Amino acid sequence: MGVVRIAAVLAVRGVRFRCHRALGRPSAVEALSLEVTRRCIARCVMCSIWRTPRDLPELDAAGWLGVLSSASLGRLVELDITGGEPFLRDDLGRLLAGLGELKAGHLPRLQSVAVTTNGLLTRRVLEVVAGVGPGLAARGIGLVIALGMDGVGELHDRIRNVSGAWRRLDETVRGLEGLRRQVPGLVLGLKTTVTRYNAGELDRIADYADEHGLFLIVSPYIVTPVRYANVDLEEDLELSPRDREALRRFYEGPRFRWSHYRRELLRFLETGRMEKACSAGFNYCFIRSTGDVYPCPLIEPGLGNVRESTLDGLLRSPAAAAQRRRVGRLPECRTCTEPGLERYALPFEGWHYLRELLRLGPRGFAALHAHLGLDKYL
């Protein structure tokens, strides 16, 4: 799609989004996150998911595939599978393979599925990726594996509170590198959560990513009772002025030249306030391992449970409409540094992205658009 046509689409979408928000109207879900388990073998300093009782009920693969067969997901483009540690599930391969089977009838627009992992279960990760990757690729679904890396060497072990975590993660990365030659469209990357423990180590992580041909997402920690259950850790994680300066210097460097998120973070570090596009509850939602549905993974309350109601019914409920009317206006929104939301928020919300076009000009905007891979949302 050409830049002029994109500009026209974004202008119209900007008006539509504001009308939908004012009325609380639902939209077709284009991006979905599934927290398939809260079980985890790491004990990360920035997250308390691992403290969740082990007897918490989880939807099995058949349950998840039933949810994904919902009529409300017919325009789903991108699926994110997270945890806890997803590879602890014995049926993860069955779930991923099932996505390929749903592609023709229920998920015709699905283009990618991303799985976030701590990379500690090397053999399991490699077996699942090798087993399901080619089948997904044959059906036009790209597989993305995002590995959590918070330091290079022993620092990573300390942050994850697991002896040998770095060695096992490095083995997983190298094994996945080999699979890139066998699995068409396999994309590999790193996710780094910035805390006071690693704010000065970001260049080493970026060097590792460059060395292995990995994308890199770097974002400050988030405190929330819903997603990470880490409200009690806020004081321990707080960045000092020196840490914030280290993060600012990193983001001002050339590594994130075309990242919209980079500009947002730099403004946040200066003002303490995020001002970004968000479409949570409109074309995105989050489902916990229990089946509880949230328009946004960071904000309570939820909308109900897919074990008891249909996903479509929950997304069209009065509670969902009330949440949508408040998107971008809640206190949590002003400090939300969640990365990656731009992929589906910018094309949907419209006007933030249109301002990027006016700021960058046609050529710069085309480069940004290609870098973010947003044609799939237009």
Protein backbone atom coordinates (compact mmCIF):
# COMPACT_ATOMS: atom_id res chain seq x y z
CA MET A 1 0.00 0.00 0.00
CA GLY A 2 1.39 3.39 -0.99
CA VAL A 3 2.08 6.16 1.51
CA VAL A 4 -0.70 8.43 0.18
CA ARG A 5 -3.28 5.68 0.51
CA ILE A 6 -1.99 4.81 4.00
CA ALA A 7 -2.41 8.46 5.02
CA ALA A 8 -6.04 8.45 3.84
CA VAL A 9 -6.77 5.19 5.66
CA LEU A 10 -5.19 6.46 8.90
CA ALA A 11 -7.17 9.71 8.78
CA VAL A 12 -10.45 7.80 8.48
CA ARG A 13 -9.45 5.27 11.13
CA GLY A 14 -8.61 8.07 13.54
CA VAL A 15 -12.18 9.37 13.32
CA ARG A 16 -13.62 5.86 13.58
CA PHE A 17 -11.54 5.00 16.65
CA ARG A 18 -12.66 8.09 18.55
CA CYS A 19 -16.30 7.41 17.71
CA HIS A 20 -15.96 3.80 18.85
CA ARG A 21 -14.23 4.85 22.06
CA ALA A 22 -16.85 7.45 22.90
CA LEU A 23 -19.59 4.85 22.49
CA GLY A 24 -17.62 1.87 23.83
CA ARG A 25 -18.23 -0.08 20.64
CA PRO A 26 -16.28 -3.31 19.99
CA SER A 27 -14.10 -3.95 16.97
CA ALA A 28 -12.76 -7.08 15.31
CA VAL A 29 -9.91 -8.62 17.31
CA GLU A 30 -6.67 -8.51 15.30
CA ALA A 31 -4.16 -9.34 18.04
CA LEU A 32 -4.57 -11.68 20.99
CA SER A 33 -2.36 -12.72 23.91
CA LEU A 34 -2.82 -16.07 25.62
CA GLU A 35 -1.15 -16.66 28.96
CA VAL A 36 -1.25 -20.45 28.62
CA THR A 37 0.28 -21.10 32.06
CA ARG A 38 1.51 -19.29 35.14
CA ARG A 39 3.88 -22.11 36.04
CA CYS A 40 7.54 -21.14 35.70
CA ILE A 41 10.94 -22.60 36.54
CA ALA A 42 12.61 -19.20 36.91
CA ARG A 43 12.31 -16.95 39.97
CA CYS A 44 12.84 -13.58 38.33
CA VAL A 45 13.44 -10.53 40.50
CA MET A 46 10.95 -8.42 38.51
CA CYS A 47 8.03 -10.85 38.41
CA SER A 48 5.98 -12.87 40.88
CA ILE A 49 4.08 -15.06 38.43
CA TRP A 50 6.07 -18.04 39.70
CA ARG A 51 4.45 -17.63 43.13
CA THR A 52 1.04 -18.58 41.68
CA PRO A 53 -0.31 -21.76 43.32
CA ARG A 54 0.46 -24.79 41.18
CA ASP A 55 -3.10 -26.11 41.39
CA LEU A 56 -4.50 -23.08 39.53
CA PRO A 57 -6.71 -24.45 36.71
CA GLU A 58 -5.46 -24.07 33.14
CA LEU A 59 -7.29 -24.48 29.84
CA ASP A 60 -5.96 -27.51 27.98
CA ALA A 61 -5.01 -27.42 24.29
CA ALA A 62 -8.53 -28.41 23.23
CA GLY A 63 -9.95 -25.62 25.38
CA TRP A 64 -7.65 -23.04 23.86
CA LEU A 65 -8.39 -24.22 20.32
CA GLY A 66 -12.08 -23.95 21.13
CA VAL A 67 -11.58 -20.33 22.16
CA LEU A 68 -9.59 -19.68 18.99
CA SER A 69 -12.47 -21.06 16.93
CA SER A 70 -14.64 -18.16 18.10
CA ALA A 71 -16.36 -16.18 15.36
CA SER A 72 -14.99 -12.99 16.96
CA LEU A 73 -11.45 -14.02 15.95
CA GLY A 74 -12.07 -14.33 12.22
CA ARG A 75 -9.83 -11.31 11.56
CA LEU A 76 -7.04 -12.31 13.93
CA VAL A 77 -3.64 -11.43 12.46
CA GLU A 78 -1.22 -12.02 15.32
CA LEU A 79 -1.27 -14.43 18.27
CA ASP A 80 1.05 -14.11 21.27
CA ILE A 81 1.58 -17.12 23.54
CA THR A 82 3.15 -16.38 26.88
CA GLY A 83 3.33 -17.54 30.51
CA GLY A 84 4.85 -18.35 32.98
CA GLU A 85 6.88 -20.68 30.82
CA PRO A 86 4.80 -22.01 27.89
CA PHE A 87 7.21 -24.87 27.18
CA LEU A 88 6.34 -26.43 30.53
CA ARG A 89 3.07 -27.49 28.89
CA ASP A 90 3.18 -31.01 27.48
CA ASP A 91 0.50 -30.06 24.95
CA LEU A 92 2.11 -26.86 23.62
CA GLY A 93 3.05 -28.59 20.37
CA ARG A 94 -0.54 -29.80 19.99
CA LEU A 95 -1.82 -26.27 20.52
CA LEU A 96 0.58 -24.79 17.95
CA ALA A 97 -0.17 -27.50 15.40
CA GLY A 98 -3.88 -26.89 15.96
CA LEU A 99 -3.44 -23.30 14.83
CA GLY A 100 -2.45 -24.56 11.42
CA GLU A 101 -5.59 -26.68 11.29
CA LEU A 102 -7.74 -23.66 12.20
CA LYS A 103 -6.16 -21.44 9.56
CA ALA A 104 -8.43 -22.35 6.66
CA GLY A 105 -11.78 -22.17 8.40
CA HIS A 106 -11.55 -20.08 11.57
CA LEU A 107 -8.32 -18.04 11.38
CA PRO A 108 -7.94 -17.15 7.68
CA ARG A 109 -5.96 -13.95 8.36
CA LEU A 110 -3.56 -15.33 10.96
CA GLN A 111 -0.01 -14.49 9.87
CA SER A 112 2.17 -15.05 12.91
CA VAL A 113 2.31 -16.73 16.29
CA ALA A 114 4.90 -15.59 18.83
CA VAL A 115 5.96 -17.66 21.83
CA THR A 116 7.80 -16.00 24.72
CA THR A 117 10.13 -18.27 26.70
CA ASN A 118 12.95 -18.07 29.23
CA GLY A 119 14.86 -20.59 27.11
CA LEU A 120 15.81 -22.84 30.03
CA LEU A 121 14.19 -25.99 28.59
CA THR A 122 16.55 -26.26 25.62
CA ARG A 123 15.64 -29.74 24.40
CA ARG A 124 11.93 -29.13 24.75
CA VAL A 125 12.07 -25.80 22.89
CA LEU A 126 14.02 -27.27 19.98
CA GLU A 127 11.76 -30.33 19.72
CA VAL A 128 8.57 -28.26 19.59
CA VAL A 129 9.92 -25.68 17.13
CA ALA A 130 11.30 -28.35 14.81
CA GLY A 131 8.06 -30.32 15.06
CA VAL A 132 5.51 -27.59 14.37
CA GLY A 133 7.47 -24.86 12.57
CA PRO A 134 7.42 -26.35 9.05
CA GLY A 135 3.69 -27.15 9.26
CA LEU A 136 2.84 -23.62 10.35
CA ALA A 137 5.01 -22.17 7.60
CA ALA A 138 3.26 -24.35 5.00
CA ARG A 139 -0.04 -22.75 6.06
CA GLY A 140 1.33 -19.21 5.89
CA ILE A 141 1.85 -18.74 9.63
CA GLY A 142 5.24 -17.43 10.74
CA LEU A 143 6.67 -18.64 14.05
CA VAL A 144 8.41 -16.12 16.32
CA ILE A 145 10.38 -17.21 19.38
CA ALA A 146 11.16 -14.40 21.84
CA LEU A 147 13.65 -15.33 24.56
CA GLY A 148 13.97 -13.44 27.82
CA MET A 149 17.54 -12.22 28.36
CA ASP A 150 18.34 -9.80 31.18
CA GLY A 151 22.12 -9.94 31.17
CA VAL A 152 25.09 -11.68 29.63
CA GLY A 153 26.70 -14.37 31.75
CA GLU A 154 26.33 -14.63 35.50
CA LEU A 155 24.22 -11.47 35.78
CA HIS A 156 21.42 -13.25 33.93
CA ASP A 157 21.59 -16.10 36.47
CA ARG A 158 21.22 -13.63 39.35
CA ILE A 159 18.25 -11.83 37.83
CA ARG A 160 16.49 -15.09 36.96
CA ASN A 161 17.51 -16.71 40.26
CA VAL A 162 18.48 -19.93 38.46
CA SER A 163 21.98 -21.36 38.49
CA GLY A 164 23.14 -22.03 34.93
CA ALA A 165 20.30 -19.99 33.39
CA TRP A 166 22.67 -18.13 31.07
CA ARG A 167 24.35 -21.30 29.81
CA ARG A 168 21.02 -22.95 29.07
CA LEU A 169 19.62 -19.84 27.37
CA ASP A 170 22.72 -19.55 25.19
CA GLU A 171 22.40 -23.22 24.21
CA THR A 172 18.77 -22.64 23.25
CA VAL A 173 19.67 -19.61 21.11
CA ARG A 174 22.39 -21.53 19.28
CA GLY A 175 20.10 -24.50 18.73
CA LEU A 176 17.36 -22.26 17.33
CA GLU A 177 19.91 -20.62 15.03
CA GLY A 178 20.46 -24.01 13.46
CA LEU A 179 16.72 -24.53 13.03
CA ARG A 180 16.38 -21.28 11.09
CA ARG A 181 17.83 -23.16 8.11
CA GLN A 182 15.14 -25.84 8.41
CA VAL A 183 12.03 -23.85 9.40
CA PRO A 184 10.96 -21.27 6.81
CA GLY A 185 10.00 -17.95 8.33
CA LEU A 186 11.31 -18.73 11.82
CA VAL A 187 12.06 -15.40 13.53
CA LEU A 188 14.17 -15.22 16.70
CA GLY A 189 14.58 -12.39 19.16
CA LEU A 190 15.33 -11.28 22.69
CA LYS A 191 13.21 -9.47 25.25
CA THR A 192 14.97 -7.57 28.02
CA THR A 193 13.24 -6.10 31.06
CA VAL A 194 15.18 -3.14 32.44
CA THR A 195 15.56 -2.91 36.23
CA ARG A 196 18.16 -1.38 38.48
CA TYR A 197 20.07 -4.65 38.22
CA ASN A 198 20.84 -4.45 34.47
CA ALA A 199 20.34 -0.84 33.31
CA GLY A 200 24.07 -0.53 32.64
CA GLU A 201 24.35 -3.82 30.70
CA LEU A 202 22.09 -3.10 27.74
CA ASP A 203 24.88 -2.62 25.20
CA ARG A 204 26.25 -6.09 25.98
CA ILE A 205 22.81 -7.60 25.41
CA ALA A 206 22.44 -5.68 22.15
CA ASP A 207 25.86 -6.89 21.01
CA TYR A 208 24.78 -10.48 21.68
CA ALA A 209 21.59 -9.92 19.68
CA ASP A 210 23.55 -8.49 16.75
CA GLU A 211 26.03 -11.37 16.86
CA HIS A 212 23.26 -13.95 16.56
CA GLY A 213 20.92 -12.09 14.21
CA LEU A 214 18.15 -11.56 16.76
CA PHE A 215 15.64 -8.76 17.06
CA LEU A 216 15.77 -6.99 20.41
CA ILE A 217 13.00 -5.49 22.55
CA VAL A 218 14.18 -3.51 25.58
CA SER A 219 11.62 -2.07 27.98
CA PRO A 220 11.47 -0.93 31.62
CA TYR A 221 9.81 -3.15 34.19
CA ILE A 222 6.05 -2.80 34.70
CA VAL A 223 4.34 -3.05 38.08
CA THR A 224 0.84 -4.49 37.91
CA PRO A 225 -1.38 -6.75 40.03
CA VAL A 226 -2.74 -8.53 36.96
CA ARG A 227 -0.04 -9.56 34.52
CA TYR A 228 3.08 -9.82 36.68
CA ALA A 229 1.56 -9.79 40.19
CA ASN A 230 4.56 -7.77 41.36
CA VAL A 231 3.15 -4.75 43.19
CA ASP A 232 5.17 -5.70 46.26
CA LEU A 233 8.42 -5.43 44.24
CA GLU A 234 8.04 -1.82 43.10
CA GLU A 235 10.51 -0.34 45.58
CA ASP A 236 13.11 -3.03 44.85
CA LEU A 237 12.93 -2.46 41.10
CA GLU A 238 12.91 1.35 40.97
CA LEU A 239 15.44 2.88 38.61
CA SER A 240 17.86 5.41 40.06
CA PRO A 241 18.65 8.66 38.22
CA ARG A 242 21.87 6.98 37.05
CA ASP A 243 19.91 3.97 35.73
CA ARG A 244 17.47 6.21 33.89
CA GLU A 245 20.35 8.09 32.31
CA ALA A 246 21.90 4.81 31.15
CA LEU A 247 18.59 3.80 29.59
CA ARG A 248 18.22 7.19 27.93
CA ARG A 249 21.69 6.95 26.38
CA PHE A 250 20.92 3.46 25.11
CA TYR A 251 17.68 4.53 23.46
CA GLU A 252 19.28 7.58 21.91
CA GLY A 253 21.83 5.34 20.21
CA PRO A 254 21.52 4.11 16.61
CA ARG A 255 20.11 0.65 17.44
CA PHE A 256 16.47 1.86 17.56
CA ARG A 257 16.59 4.42 14.79
CA TRP A 258 13.26 3.44 13.27
CA SER A 259 11.43 2.45 16.44
CA HIS A 260 8.34 4.46 17.34
CA TYR A 261 8.53 2.93 20.80
CA ARG A 262 12.02 4.43 21.24
CA ARG A 263 10.66 7.96 20.91
CA GLU A 264 7.87 7.20 23.36
CA LEU A 265 10.34 5.87 25.93
CA LEU A 266 12.64 8.85 25.63
CA ARG A 267 9.69 11.19 26.23
CA PHE A 268 8.58 9.07 29.18
CA LEU A 269 12.03 9.18 30.76
CA GLU A 270 11.95 12.97 30.48
CA THR A 271 8.36 13.64 31.58
CA GLY A 272 7.30 10.52 33.51
CA ARG A 273 4.21 10.26 31.30
CA MET A 274 3.46 7.97 28.35
CA GLU A 275 1.42 9.37 25.49
CA LYS A 276 1.00 6.62 22.94
CA ALA A 277 -1.63 4.97 20.80
CA CYS A 278 -3.49 2.16 22.52
CA SER A 279 -6.26 -0.05 21.19
CA ALA A 280 -6.59 -2.49 24.11
CA GLY A 281 -10.14 -3.75 24.26
CA PHE A 282 -10.79 -2.79 20.64
CA ASN A 283 -8.62 -4.94 18.35
CA TYR A 284 -6.68 -6.61 21.18
CA CYS A 285 -7.40 -8.59 24.34
CA PHE A 286 -5.61 -10.84 26.84
CA ILE A 287 -6.74 -14.20 28.22
CA ARG A 288 -5.20 -15.68 31.36
CA SER A 289 -4.46 -19.37 31.82
CA THR A 290 -7.66 -19.72 33.85
CA GLY A 291 -9.76 -18.42 30.97
CA ASP A 292 -10.31 -14.95 32.46
CA VAL A 293 -10.53 -12.26 29.76
CA TYR A 294 -9.05 -8.77 30.07
CA PRO A 295 -9.17 -5.92 27.52
CA CYS A 296 -5.70 -5.00 28.83
CA PRO A 297 -3.32 -7.36 30.68
CA LEU A 298 -2.33 -4.59 33.10
CA ILE A 299 -5.74 -3.41 34.31
CA GLU A 300 -8.39 -4.92 36.53
CA PRO A 301 -11.17 -5.97 36.58
CA GLY A 302 -11.61 -8.69 33.99
CA LEU A 303 -14.68 -9.24 31.84
CA GLY A 304 -15.48 -12.81 32.81
CA ASN A 305 -14.31 -16.30 31.89
CA VAL A 306 -14.46 -18.17 28.57
CA ARG A 307 -15.37 -21.35 30.47
CA GLU A 308 -18.66 -19.72 31.40
CA SER A 309 -19.37 -17.33 28.52
CA THR A 310 -18.41 -16.99 24.88
CA LEU A 311 -15.49 -14.73 24.01
CA ASP A 312 -17.73 -12.73 21.70
CA GLY A 313 -20.27 -12.24 24.49
CA LEU A 314 -17.61 -11.04 26.92
CA LEU A 315 -16.14 -8.58 24.41
CA ARG A 316 -19.59 -7.15 23.70
CA SER A 317 -20.63 -6.87 27.35
CA PRO A 318 -21.41 -3.59 29.15
CA ALA A 319 -18.25 -4.08 31.23
CA ALA A 320 -16.15 -4.24 28.05
CA ALA A 321 -17.82 -1.11 26.69
CA ALA A 322 -17.02 0.73 29.91
CA GLN A 323 -13.36 -0.33 29.67
CA ARG A 324 -13.12 0.81 26.05
CA ARG A 325 -14.43 4.27 26.90
CA ARG A 326 -11.54 4.65 29.36
CA VAL A 327 -8.70 3.38 27.14
CA GLY A 328 -5.74 5.74 27.28
CA ARG A 329 -7.26 7.78 30.10
CA LEU A 330 -6.58 5.61 33.15
CA PRO A 331 -3.68 6.28 35.54
CA GLU A 332 -2.12 2.96 34.49
CA CYS A 333 -2.11 4.12 30.86
CA ARG A 334 0.09 7.10 31.70
CA THR A 335 2.92 4.90 32.97
CA CYS A 336 2.48 1.89 30.64
CA THR A 337 5.78 0.98 28.99
CA GLU A 338 4.53 -2.33 27.56
CA PRO A 339 6.51 -2.91 24.33
CA GLY A 340 5.18 -4.10 21.02
CA LEU A 341 1.66 -2.70 21.31
CA GLU A 342 2.43 -0.35 18.42
CA ARG A 343 2.14 -3.24 15.98
CA TYR A 344 -1.63 -3.23 16.15
CA ALA A 345 -2.40 0.04 17.96
CA LEU A 346 -0.81 2.46 15.49
CA PRO A 347 -2.71 1.30 12.37
CA PHE A 348 -5.97 1.03 14.33
CA GLU A 349 -5.89 4.29 16.32
CA GLY A 350 -4.80 6.13 13.20
CA TRP A 351 -3.83 9.65 14.17
CA HIS A 352 -0.62 8.89 16.13
CA TYR A 353 0.70 7.03 13.10
CA LEU A 354 -0.45 9.77 10.74
CA ARG A 355 1.56 12.27 12.79
CA GLU A 356 4.61 10.04 12.30
CA LEU A 357 4.09 10.31 8.55
CA LEU A 358 3.98 14.09 8.74
CA ARG A 359 7.06 14.17 10.98
CA LEU A 360 9.19 11.75 8.97
CA GLY A 361 8.04 12.51 5.45
CA PRO A 362 7.08 9.84 2.88
CA ARG A 363 10.49 8.20 2.59
CA GLY A 364 11.20 8.03 6.33
CA PHE A 365 7.68 6.85 7.05
CA ALA A 366 7.93 4.10 4.43
CA ALA A 367 11.11 2.87 6.13
CA LEU A 368 9.43 2.91 9.55
CA HIS A 369 6.36 1.14 8.16
CA ALA A 370 8.47 -1.60 6.59
CA HIS A 371 10.57 -1.97 9.75
CA LEU A 372 7.48 -2.48 11.90
CA GLY A 373 5.83 -4.77 9.34
CA LEU A 374 2.46 -3.08 9.63
CA ASP A 375 1.08 -3.80 6.16
CA LYS A 376 -0.60 -6.85 7.68
CA TYR A 377 -2.83 -4.52 9.71
CA LEU A 378 -3.76 -2.35 6.74
